[in-house]
Amino acid sequence: MVESNSARKQVGTRFEELIRSTISSLDISLKKIVLNIPYDTEEGQKYYKCETDIVISPFKSVKSDSKTIHPNEVVISLKTTTKDRMPKIFIDKMLLENFVGHSVKVVGISQNDIQRKGDSEISYTFVSHLFMVYTRFLIQLEGYYYLDRPARAFESPYNQYIFPFSKFIIKDIWALLRP
């Protein structure tokens, strides 16, 4: 009914709202944080704004701010699918750790890994080999969760790193938030 890019944006926004609402209903404090990462230029100091989708905290309120991520808090990266967006999650974890000077817990959550083509075609968007190369040779996330996991996530070695969202809510979120 609407232009395709607009429809995708709406789906992404509703997905983010669903995850925020689900986590908030567990009485877990959360907040979107934008870190201001300084760098020098000929015109003086500039800032790269590194946006997080959600930072969750074991504390009554989120302690992370525009300068740091608290070591006991968890950064959650939300993507409706991982097509063209998965590398950013790994790169952001490396960037955050280098900027704040300590380990940062980062998880990814995706809705699914399909994309519609026209009225009847569906394509799968999970780039499994890239996921494993980033996981093994770049940096390892604390977990990646799907509402609807891609078929590959059930196979080894992917099943060691990719889990159902229900596991995150029932078990892993509590372990990650434990100081």
N, C-alpha and C. Protein backbone atom coordinates (compact mmCIF):
# COMPACT_ATOMS: atom_id res chain seq x y z
N MET A 1 0.81 -1.20 0.00
CA MET A 1 0.00 0.00 0.00
C MET A 1 0.85 1.26 0.00
N VAL A 2 2.10 1.14 0.50
CA VAL A 2 2.99 2.30 0.52
C VAL A 2 4.27 1.96 -0.23
N GLU A 3 5.06 2.97 -0.49
CA GLU A 3 6.34 2.79 -1.17
C GLU A 3 7.20 1.82 -0.36
N SER A 4 7.97 0.95 -1.03
CA SER A 4 8.67 -0.15 -0.35
C SER A 4 9.67 0.32 0.70
N ASN A 5 10.44 1.37 0.44
CA ASN A 5 11.39 1.85 1.44
C ASN A 5 10.68 2.35 2.68
N SER A 6 9.55 3.01 2.49
CA SER A 6 8.76 3.49 3.62
C SER A 6 8.21 2.32 4.43
N ALA A 7 7.77 1.29 3.74
CA ALA A 7 7.23 0.11 4.42
C ALA A 7 8.31 -0.58 5.23
N ARG A 8 9.53 -0.70 4.67
CA ARG A 8 10.64 -1.32 5.41
C ARG A 8 10.99 -0.52 6.64
N LYS A 9 10.99 0.78 6.51
CA LYS A 9 11.29 1.66 7.66
C LYS A 9 10.24 1.46 8.75
N GLN A 10 8.98 1.36 8.37
CA GLN A 10 7.91 1.14 9.35
C GLN A 10 8.08 -0.20 10.07
N VAL A 11 8.43 -1.23 9.34
CA VAL A 11 8.64 -2.55 9.94
C VAL A 11 9.80 -2.48 10.94
N GLY A 12 10.88 -1.82 10.56
CA GLY A 12 12.03 -1.67 11.45
C GLY A 12 11.68 -0.91 12.72
N THR A 13 10.92 0.15 12.57
CA THR A 13 10.51 0.94 13.72
C THR A 13 9.63 0.13 14.66
N ARG A 14 8.67 -0.59 14.11
CA ARG A 14 7.79 -1.42 14.94
C ARG A 14 8.57 -2.55 15.62
N PHE A 15 9.56 -3.11 14.92
CA PHE A 15 10.40 -4.16 15.49
C PHE A 15 11.17 -3.62 16.69
N GLU A 16 11.78 -2.45 16.54
CA GLU A 16 12.51 -1.84 17.65
C GLU A 16 11.58 -1.56 18.83
N GLU A 17 10.39 -1.07 18.55
CA GLU A 17 9.42 -0.81 19.62
C GLU A 17 9.03 -2.09 20.34
N LEU A 18 8.85 -3.18 19.59
CA LEU A 18 8.50 -4.47 20.18
C LEU A 18 9.60 -4.96 21.13
N ILE A 19 10.84 -4.89 20.71
CA ILE A 19 11.95 -5.36 21.54
C ILE A 19 12.10 -4.47 22.77
N ARG A 20 12.03 -3.17 22.59
CA ARG A 20 12.12 -2.25 23.74
C ARG A 20 11.00 -2.53 24.75
N SER A 21 9.80 -2.69 24.25
CA SER A 21 8.65 -2.95 25.11
C SER A 21 8.79 -4.28 25.85
N THR A 22 9.27 -5.30 25.16
CA THR A 22 9.45 -6.62 25.76
C THR A 22 10.48 -6.54 26.90
N ILE A 23 11.61 -5.90 26.64
CA ILE A 23 12.66 -5.80 27.67
C ILE A 23 12.18 -4.92 28.83
N SER A 24 11.53 -3.83 28.51
CA SER A 24 11.02 -2.93 29.55
C SER A 24 10.00 -3.64 30.44
N SER A 25 9.21 -4.53 29.87
CA SER A 25 8.20 -5.25 30.65
C SER A 25 8.83 -6.21 31.67
N LEU A 26 10.13 -6.48 31.52
CA LEU A 26 10.86 -7.32 32.46
C LEU A 26 11.45 -6.49 33.60
N ASP A 27 11.08 -5.22 33.67
CA ASP A 27 11.62 -4.28 34.66
C ASP A 27 13.13 -4.12 34.53
N ILE A 28 13.60 -4.13 33.31
CA ILE A 28 15.02 -3.88 33.03
C ILE A 28 15.11 -2.47 32.46
N SER A 29 15.98 -1.66 33.06
CA SER A 29 16.12 -0.30 32.55
C SER A 29 16.87 -0.32 31.22
N LEU A 30 16.46 0.57 30.34
CA LEU A 30 17.07 0.64 29.02
C LEU A 30 17.05 2.08 28.52
N LYS A 31 17.94 2.34 27.59
CA LYS A 31 18.05 3.69 27.04
C LYS A 31 18.82 3.63 25.73
N LYS A 32 18.48 4.51 24.83
CA LYS A 32 19.28 4.67 23.61
C LYS A 32 20.40 5.64 23.97
N ILE A 33 21.63 5.27 23.64
CA ILE A 33 22.79 6.10 23.95
C ILE A 33 23.48 6.47 22.64
N VAL A 34 23.91 7.71 22.54
CA VAL A 34 24.72 8.15 21.42
C VAL A 34 26.07 8.58 21.98
N LEU A 35 27.11 7.81 21.65
CA LEU A 35 28.45 8.16 22.11
C LEU A 35 29.06 9.17 21.15
N ASN A 36 29.70 10.19 21.71
CA ASN A 36 30.40 11.20 20.92
C ASN A 36 31.88 10.85 20.92
N ILE A 37 32.34 10.28 19.82
CA ILE A 37 33.72 9.83 19.71
C ILE A 37 34.53 10.92 19.00
N PRO A 38 35.47 11.54 19.74
CA PRO A 38 36.23 12.66 19.16
C PRO A 38 37.34 12.20 18.23
N TYR A 39 37.61 13.04 17.23
CA TYR A 39 38.77 12.83 16.37
C TYR A 39 39.23 14.21 15.89
N ASP A 40 40.51 14.32 15.61
CA ASP A 40 41.08 15.60 15.22
C ASP A 40 41.07 15.77 13.71
N THR A 41 40.80 17.00 13.27
CA THR A 41 40.87 17.37 11.86
C THR A 41 41.63 18.68 11.75
N GLU A 42 41.91 19.13 10.54
CA GLU A 42 42.58 20.41 10.35
C GLU A 42 41.73 21.57 10.87
N GLU A 43 40.40 21.39 10.90
CA GLU A 43 39.51 22.43 11.41
C GLU A 43 39.29 22.32 12.91
N GLY A 44 39.97 21.39 13.55
CA GLY A 44 39.79 21.19 14.99
C GLY A 44 39.12 19.86 15.28
N GLN A 45 38.73 19.67 16.53
CA GLN A 45 38.14 18.41 16.94
C GLN A 45 36.71 18.26 16.41
N LYS A 46 36.43 17.10 15.88
CA LYS A 46 35.09 16.74 15.41
C LYS A 46 34.64 15.52 16.20
N TYR A 47 33.35 15.18 16.06
CA TYR A 47 32.81 14.03 16.77
C TYR A 47 32.05 13.12 15.83
N TYR A 48 32.34 11.82 15.97
CA TYR A 48 31.54 10.81 15.30
C TYR A 48 30.48 10.40 16.30
N LYS A 49 29.23 10.41 15.89
CA LYS A 49 28.14 10.01 16.77
C LYS A 49 27.84 8.53 16.53
N CYS A 50 28.22 7.72 17.49
CA CYS A 50 28.00 6.28 17.43
C CYS A 50 26.71 5.97 18.18
N GLU A 51 25.65 5.71 17.44
CA GLU A 51 24.34 5.46 18.03
C GLU A 51 24.18 4.00 18.41
N THR A 52 23.66 3.78 19.60
CA THR A 52 23.29 2.42 20.00
C THR A 52 21.77 2.33 19.87
N ASP A 53 21.27 1.14 19.58
CA ASP A 53 19.81 0.97 19.53
C ASP A 53 19.25 0.94 20.94
N ILE A 54 19.88 0.12 21.80
CA ILE A 54 19.45 0.01 23.20
C ILE A 54 20.68 -0.32 24.05
N VAL A 55 20.74 0.28 25.21
CA VAL A 55 21.68 -0.16 26.25
C VAL A 55 20.80 -0.60 27.41
N ILE A 56 21.01 -1.84 27.88
CA ILE A 56 20.23 -2.33 29.03
C ILE A 56 21.15 -2.39 30.24
N SER A 57 20.54 -2.27 31.42
CA SER A 57 21.32 -2.12 32.63
C SER A 57 20.77 -2.95 33.78
N PRO A 58 21.66 -3.46 34.64
CA PRO A 58 21.20 -4.15 35.85
C PRO A 58 20.81 -3.15 36.95
N PHE A 59 21.10 -1.87 36.71
CA PHE A 59 20.84 -0.83 37.70
C PHE A 59 19.46 -0.22 37.48
N LYS A 60 19.02 0.55 38.44
CA LYS A 60 17.70 1.19 38.37
C LYS A 60 17.60 2.11 37.15
N SER A 61 18.72 2.74 36.80
CA SER A 61 18.76 3.54 35.57
C SER A 61 20.08 3.28 34.86
N VAL A 62 20.10 3.49 33.57
CA VAL A 62 21.27 3.25 32.74
C VAL A 62 22.38 4.23 33.14
N LYS A 63 23.59 3.69 33.36
CA LYS A 63 24.73 4.53 33.76
C LYS A 63 25.59 4.97 32.58
N SER A 64 25.44 4.30 31.45
CA SER A 64 26.19 4.70 30.26
C SER A 64 25.74 6.08 29.81
N ASP A 65 26.66 6.79 29.15
CA ASP A 65 26.33 8.13 28.66
C ASP A 65 27.08 8.39 27.36
N SER A 66 27.17 9.63 26.95
CA SER A 66 27.77 9.98 25.66
C SER A 66 29.28 9.78 25.64
N LYS A 67 29.88 9.45 26.79
CA LYS A 67 31.34 9.27 26.85
C LYS A 67 31.77 7.84 27.15
N THR A 68 30.86 7.02 27.68
CA THR A 68 31.27 5.66 28.05
C THR A 68 30.09 4.69 28.09
N ILE A 69 30.42 3.43 28.01
CA ILE A 69 29.45 2.35 28.23
C ILE A 69 29.87 1.69 29.53
N HIS A 70 28.97 1.63 30.50
CA HIS A 70 29.29 1.01 31.79
C HIS A 70 29.59 -0.47 31.56
N PRO A 71 30.64 -1.01 32.22
CA PRO A 71 31.03 -2.41 31.98
C PRO A 71 29.96 -3.45 32.33
N ASN A 72 29.00 -3.12 33.18
CA ASN A 72 27.96 -4.08 33.53
C ASN A 72 26.72 -3.96 32.65
N GLU A 73 26.75 -3.05 31.71
CA GLU A 73 25.59 -2.85 30.84
C GLU A 73 25.82 -3.54 29.49
N VAL A 74 24.74 -3.74 28.76
CA VAL A 74 24.79 -4.49 27.50
C VAL A 74 24.24 -3.64 26.37
N VAL A 75 24.99 -3.57 25.28
CA VAL A 75 24.54 -2.88 24.08
C VAL A 75 23.81 -3.88 23.21
N ILE A 76 22.59 -3.51 22.79
CA ILE A 76 21.81 -4.38 21.91
C ILE A 76 21.66 -3.69 20.56
N SER A 77 22.08 -4.39 19.54
CA SER A 77 21.93 -3.90 18.17
C SER A 77 20.73 -4.59 17.54
N LEU A 78 19.78 -3.81 17.06
CA LEU A 78 18.54 -4.35 16.49
C LEU A 78 18.55 -4.20 14.97
N LYS A 79 18.29 -5.28 14.28
CA LYS A 79 18.21 -5.28 12.82
C LYS A 79 17.03 -6.15 12.42
N THR A 80 16.17 -5.65 11.53
CA THR A 80 15.06 -6.51 11.09
C THR A 80 15.63 -7.71 10.34
N THR A 81 16.64 -7.49 9.50
CA THR A 81 17.38 -8.58 8.86
C THR A 81 18.85 -8.20 8.92
N THR A 82 19.72 -9.14 8.61
CA THR A 82 21.15 -8.83 8.66
C THR A 82 21.72 -8.44 7.30
N LYS A 83 20.91 -8.44 6.30
CA LYS A 83 21.40 -8.09 4.96
C LYS A 83 22.04 -6.71 4.99
N ASP A 84 23.28 -6.64 4.59
CA ASP A 84 24.04 -5.39 4.49
C ASP A 84 24.26 -4.70 5.84
N ARG A 85 23.77 -5.23 6.94
CA ARG A 85 23.87 -4.54 8.21
C ARG A 85 24.66 -5.29 9.27
N MET A 86 24.86 -6.56 9.07
CA MET A 86 25.55 -7.38 10.06
C MET A 86 26.96 -6.88 10.36
N PRO A 87 27.77 -6.50 9.36
CA PRO A 87 29.13 -6.05 9.68
C PRO A 87 29.17 -4.89 10.68
N LYS A 88 28.18 -4.00 10.63
CA LYS A 88 28.17 -2.85 11.53
C LYS A 88 28.14 -3.27 12.99
N ILE A 89 27.47 -4.35 13.32
CA ILE A 89 27.39 -4.81 14.71
C ILE A 89 28.78 -5.18 15.23
N PHE A 90 29.53 -5.93 14.44
CA PHE A 90 30.88 -6.34 14.83
C PHE A 90 31.82 -5.13 14.90
N ILE A 91 31.73 -4.27 13.90
CA ILE A 91 32.59 -3.08 13.87
C ILE A 91 32.26 -2.15 15.03
N ASP A 92 30.98 -1.98 15.33
CA ASP A 92 30.60 -1.13 16.47
C ASP A 92 31.17 -1.68 17.78
N LYS A 93 31.14 -3.00 17.96
CA LYS A 93 31.70 -3.58 19.19
C LYS A 93 33.18 -3.24 19.29
N MET A 94 33.93 -3.40 18.21
CA MET A 94 35.35 -3.07 18.22
C MET A 94 35.56 -1.58 18.49
N LEU A 95 34.80 -0.75 17.84
CA LEU A 95 34.91 0.70 18.02
C LEU A 95 34.61 1.09 19.46
N LEU A 96 33.52 0.58 20.01
CA LEU A 96 33.15 0.90 21.38
C LEU A 96 34.24 0.47 22.37
N GLU A 97 34.76 -0.74 22.21
CA GLU A 97 35.78 -1.23 23.13
C GLU A 97 37.05 -0.39 23.04
N ASN A 98 37.43 -0.02 21.84
CA ASN A 98 38.62 0.83 21.68
C ASN A 98 38.39 2.22 22.28
N PHE A 99 37.21 2.76 22.09
CA PHE A 99 36.91 4.10 22.59
C PHE A 99 36.80 4.15 24.11
N VAL A 100 36.06 3.21 24.71
CA VAL A 100 35.84 3.27 26.16
C VAL A 100 36.97 2.60 26.96
N GLY A 101 37.82 1.82 26.30
CA GLY A 101 38.98 1.24 26.97
C GLY A 101 38.71 0.01 27.81
N HIS A 102 37.58 -0.66 27.59
CA HIS A 102 37.29 -1.91 28.29
C HIS A 102 36.35 -2.75 27.44
N SER A 103 36.16 -4.00 27.85
CA SER A 103 35.24 -4.89 27.13
C SER A 103 33.83 -4.33 27.20
N VAL A 104 33.10 -4.46 26.10
CA VAL A 104 31.70 -4.04 26.04
C VAL A 104 30.89 -5.25 25.59
N LYS A 105 29.85 -5.55 26.35
CA LYS A 105 28.97 -6.67 26.00
C LYS A 105 28.01 -6.19 24.90
N VAL A 106 28.04 -6.88 23.76
CA VAL A 106 27.20 -6.52 22.63
C VAL A 106 26.47 -7.76 22.13
N VAL A 107 25.16 -7.64 21.95
CA VAL A 107 24.38 -8.70 21.33
C VAL A 107 23.62 -8.12 20.15
N GLY A 108 23.31 -8.98 19.21
CA GLY A 108 22.49 -8.60 18.08
C GLY A 108 21.15 -9.32 18.17
N ILE A 109 20.10 -8.63 17.77
CA ILE A 109 18.78 -9.25 17.70
C ILE A 109 18.19 -8.90 16.34
N SER A 110 17.74 -9.91 15.62
CA SER A 110 17.10 -9.71 14.33
C SER A 110 15.74 -10.39 14.31
N GLN A 111 14.88 -9.85 13.47
CA GLN A 111 13.55 -10.41 13.33
C GLN A 111 13.60 -11.69 12.52
N ASN A 112 14.21 -11.63 11.34
CA ASN A 112 14.27 -12.78 10.45
C ASN A 112 15.37 -12.54 9.43
N ASP A 113 15.50 -13.41 8.50
CA ASP A 113 16.45 -13.22 7.43
C ASP A 113 15.86 -13.54 6.08
N ILE A 114 14.74 -12.93 5.82
CA ILE A 114 14.14 -13.06 4.49
C ILE A 114 13.82 -11.66 3.97
N GLN A 115 13.78 -11.58 2.67
CA GLN A 115 13.41 -10.33 2.02
C GLN A 115 12.49 -10.68 0.87
N ARG A 116 11.42 -9.95 0.78
CA ARG A 116 10.47 -10.20 -0.31
C ARG A 116 10.95 -9.51 -1.58
N LYS A 117 10.75 -10.21 -2.69
CA LYS A 117 11.04 -9.66 -4.01
C LYS A 117 9.73 -9.67 -4.77
N GLY A 118 9.18 -8.52 -5.00
CA GLY A 118 7.91 -8.46 -5.70
C GLY A 118 6.79 -9.04 -4.87
N ASP A 119 5.81 -9.60 -5.52
CA ASP A 119 4.63 -10.12 -4.83
C ASP A 119 4.79 -11.55 -4.32
N SER A 120 5.66 -12.35 -4.97
CA SER A 120 5.67 -13.77 -4.61
C SER A 120 7.04 -14.36 -4.29
N GLU A 121 8.11 -13.67 -4.59
CA GLU A 121 9.44 -14.24 -4.35
C GLU A 121 9.98 -13.85 -2.99
N ILE A 122 10.72 -14.78 -2.38
CA ILE A 122 11.39 -14.53 -1.12
C ILE A 122 12.85 -14.89 -1.29
N SER A 123 13.74 -14.03 -0.82
CA SER A 123 15.16 -14.38 -0.84
C SER A 123 15.67 -14.40 0.60
N TYR A 124 16.67 -15.23 0.82
CA TYR A 124 17.26 -15.34 2.15
C TYR A 124 18.48 -14.44 2.21
N THR A 125 18.63 -13.72 3.30
CA THR A 125 19.65 -12.67 3.37
C THR A 125 20.78 -12.95 4.35
N PHE A 126 20.73 -14.03 5.11
CA PHE A 126 21.77 -14.32 6.08
C PHE A 126 23.05 -14.71 5.36
N VAL A 127 24.13 -13.97 5.58
CA VAL A 127 25.41 -14.24 4.95
C VAL A 127 26.23 -15.06 5.95
N SER A 128 26.00 -16.37 5.93
CA SER A 128 26.53 -17.25 6.96
C SER A 128 28.06 -17.27 7.03
N HIS A 129 28.72 -17.31 5.90
CA HIS A 129 30.18 -17.39 5.91
C HIS A 129 30.78 -16.11 6.49
N LEU A 130 30.21 -14.98 6.14
CA LEU A 130 30.68 -13.70 6.67
C LEU A 130 30.47 -13.64 8.18
N PHE A 131 29.34 -14.14 8.65
CA PHE A 131 29.07 -14.17 10.09
C PHE A 131 30.17 -14.95 10.81
N MET A 132 30.53 -16.12 10.29
CA MET A 132 31.54 -16.95 10.95
C MET A 132 32.94 -16.32 10.87
N VAL A 133 33.28 -15.71 9.76
CA VAL A 133 34.59 -15.06 9.63
C VAL A 133 34.69 -13.91 10.63
N TYR A 134 33.66 -13.09 10.73
CA TYR A 134 33.68 -12.00 11.71
C TYR A 134 33.75 -12.54 13.14
N THR A 135 32.99 -13.58 13.41
CA THR A 135 32.96 -14.16 14.76
C THR A 135 34.31 -14.76 15.15
N ARG A 136 34.94 -15.43 14.23
CA ARG A 136 36.19 -16.12 14.57
C ARG A 136 37.43 -15.25 14.43
N PHE A 137 37.43 -14.28 13.50
CA PHE A 137 38.66 -13.56 13.21
C PHE A 137 38.60 -12.05 13.50
N LEU A 138 37.43 -11.52 13.76
CA LEU A 138 37.32 -10.09 14.04
C LEU A 138 37.06 -9.89 15.52
N ILE A 139 35.87 -10.23 15.95
CA ILE A 139 35.49 -10.10 17.36
C ILE A 139 34.23 -10.94 17.59
N GLN A 140 34.10 -11.50 18.78
CA GLN A 140 32.94 -12.33 19.06
C GLN A 140 31.91 -11.55 19.86
N LEU A 141 30.68 -11.59 19.41
CA LEU A 141 29.57 -10.99 20.13
C LEU A 141 29.19 -11.90 21.30
N GLU A 142 28.48 -11.35 22.26
CA GLU A 142 28.02 -12.16 23.39
C GLU A 142 26.86 -13.06 22.98
N GLY A 143 26.27 -12.82 21.84
CA GLY A 143 25.22 -13.67 21.31
C GLY A 143 24.48 -12.97 20.18
N TYR A 144 23.90 -13.78 19.32
CA TYR A 144 23.04 -13.24 18.26
C TYR A 144 21.73 -14.00 18.33
N TYR A 145 20.63 -13.26 18.33
CA TYR A 145 19.31 -13.85 18.55
C TYR A 145 18.36 -13.45 17.44
N TYR A 146 17.51 -14.41 17.07
CA TYR A 146 16.49 -14.17 16.04
C TYR A 146 15.11 -14.51 16.58
N LEU A 147 14.13 -13.72 16.18
CA LEU A 147 12.75 -14.11 16.43
C LEU A 147 12.41 -15.31 15.55
N ASP A 148 12.90 -15.30 14.32
CA ASP A 148 12.71 -16.40 13.38
C ASP A 148 14.08 -16.71 12.78
N ARG A 149 14.75 -17.72 13.34
CA ARG A 149 16.13 -18.02 12.94
C ARG A 149 16.22 -18.53 11.50
N PRO A 150 17.29 -18.15 10.82
CA PRO A 150 17.52 -18.71 9.48
C PRO A 150 17.86 -20.19 9.61
N ALA A 151 17.62 -20.95 8.56
CA ALA A 151 17.84 -22.39 8.58
C ALA A 151 19.28 -22.74 8.96
N ARG A 152 20.23 -21.97 8.49
CA ARG A 152 21.64 -22.21 8.79
C ARG A 152 21.93 -22.15 10.29
N ALA A 153 21.17 -21.39 11.05
CA ALA A 153 21.41 -21.22 12.49
C ALA A 153 21.21 -22.51 13.28
N PHE A 154 20.60 -23.51 12.66
CA PHE A 154 20.38 -24.79 13.32
C PHE A 154 21.56 -25.75 13.10
N GLU A 155 22.45 -25.39 12.17
CA GLU A 155 23.59 -26.24 11.82
C GLU A 155 24.82 -25.82 12.61
N SER A 156 25.75 -26.77 12.74
CA SER A 156 27.04 -26.46 13.36
C SER A 156 27.91 -25.77 12.31
N PRO A 157 28.69 -24.80 12.66
CA PRO A 157 28.98 -24.21 13.96
C PRO A 157 28.06 -23.04 14.32
N TYR A 158 27.15 -22.69 13.43
CA TYR A 158 26.30 -21.50 13.65
C TYR A 158 25.46 -21.63 14.92
N ASN A 159 25.03 -22.85 15.23
CA ASN A 159 24.16 -23.06 16.40
C ASN A 159 24.88 -22.79 17.73
N GLN A 160 26.18 -22.57 17.69
CA GLN A 160 26.94 -22.21 18.89
C GLN A 160 26.91 -20.69 19.13
N TYR A 161 26.47 -19.93 18.14
CA TYR A 161 26.52 -18.46 18.21
C TYR A 161 25.19 -17.78 17.97
N ILE A 162 24.25 -18.49 17.35
CA ILE A 162 22.97 -17.90 16.96
C ILE A 162 21.86 -18.66 17.68
N PHE A 163 21.00 -17.91 18.37
CA PHE A 163 20.01 -18.53 19.24
C PHE A 163 18.63 -17.92 19.03
N PRO A 164 17.60 -18.59 19.53
CA PRO A 164 16.25 -18.01 19.46
C PRO A 164 16.13 -16.85 20.46
N PHE A 165 15.34 -15.88 20.12
CA PHE A 165 15.10 -14.73 20.98
C PHE A 165 14.57 -15.16 22.35
N SER A 166 13.80 -16.23 22.38
CA SER A 166 13.26 -16.72 23.66
C SER A 166 14.39 -17.07 24.63
N LYS A 167 15.50 -17.60 24.15
CA LYS A 167 16.65 -17.93 25.01
C LYS A 167 17.22 -16.65 25.61
N PHE A 168 17.26 -15.60 24.83
CA PHE A 168 17.76 -14.32 25.34
C PHE A 168 16.90 -13.82 26.48
N ILE A 169 15.59 -13.84 26.29
CA ILE A 169 14.65 -13.32 27.29
C ILE A 169 14.58 -14.20 28.54
N ILE A 170 14.57 -15.50 28.36
CA ILE A 170 14.39 -16.42 29.48
C ILE A 170 15.69 -16.61 30.28
N LYS A 171 16.83 -16.67 29.59
CA LYS A 171 18.07 -17.04 30.29
C LYS A 171 19.21 -16.03 30.13
N ASP A 172 19.58 -15.75 28.89
CA ASP A 172 20.83 -15.02 28.64
C ASP A 172 20.82 -13.57 29.12
N ILE A 173 19.71 -12.89 29.02
CA ILE A 173 19.67 -11.50 29.44
C ILE A 173 20.04 -11.37 30.92
N TRP A 174 19.59 -12.32 31.72
CA TRP A 174 19.86 -12.28 33.16
C TRP A 174 21.32 -12.56 33.44
N ALA A 175 21.92 -13.49 32.70
CA ALA A 175 23.35 -13.79 32.87
C ALA A 175 24.21 -12.61 32.42
N LEU A 176 23.84 -11.97 31.31
CA LEU A 176 24.60 -10.83 30.81
C LEU A 176 24.54 -9.63 31.76
N LEU A 177 23.43 -9.47 32.45
CA LEU A 177 23.28 -8.33 33.35
C LEU A 177 23.85 -8.58 34.74
N ARG A 178 24.28 -9.80 35.00
CA ARG A 178 24.89 -10.10 36.29
C ARG A 178 26.27 -9.48 36.32
N PRO A 179 26.56 -8.64 37.33
CA PRO A 179 27.90 -7.98 37.39
C PRO A 179 29.05 -8.95 37.53
